[in-house]
């Protein structure tokens, strides 16, 4: 907070069995009140929906929206599905979310857009699109990844692996290329297996 962070993306997990996206204590009491965070709180990918579909703490998609917003979420990140908008309107109309809570979230969104200059120039770097995906950027990313790898202890000179050595890699996702790619990788959501 002291460094001036403008946004925080909430973790997709649970703490003590409660999804963070529905945890008013963490989002409002601790983050906002105790720590003094004044910026925008945004969900991770589809995590409001997941309060219903994955965590099963909401009885309906609308209840999931109300839970997240009332907990302290300002913006839901789901670019391909606009149901959040309709469900939020219904939740406000049914008194499940106060209009003052919406005003509070919208104010944070607009202030952030104003501070970043989006009202003056929404597309400040049109020439940057020509730089997207350049081969030298892939090389730079690979070099950065190599430099970020850390061997904690090379006991008995285990590394580099000898050609005749075999190791067992075990995990529920050990053979899943998409999982190993990760969500924000060279393919969207790491889905492509090639």
Foldseek 3Di string as FASTA:
>chain_A
DVVDDQEDEDDLDADPLHGPLLALCVQPVCVCPVVPDLHAYEYPECSLVCCCVPSNVAPDSLRSLLSRLVSPHLYYDYVPDDVSVVSPVVCCVVVSHPVVSNVSSVVNVVVVCVVVCCVPPVCPCPVVVVVPPDPVVVVVVVVVVVVPDDDPDCPPVPPPPDPPDDDDDDDPCPPPQQVVQACPHPDHSSPDND
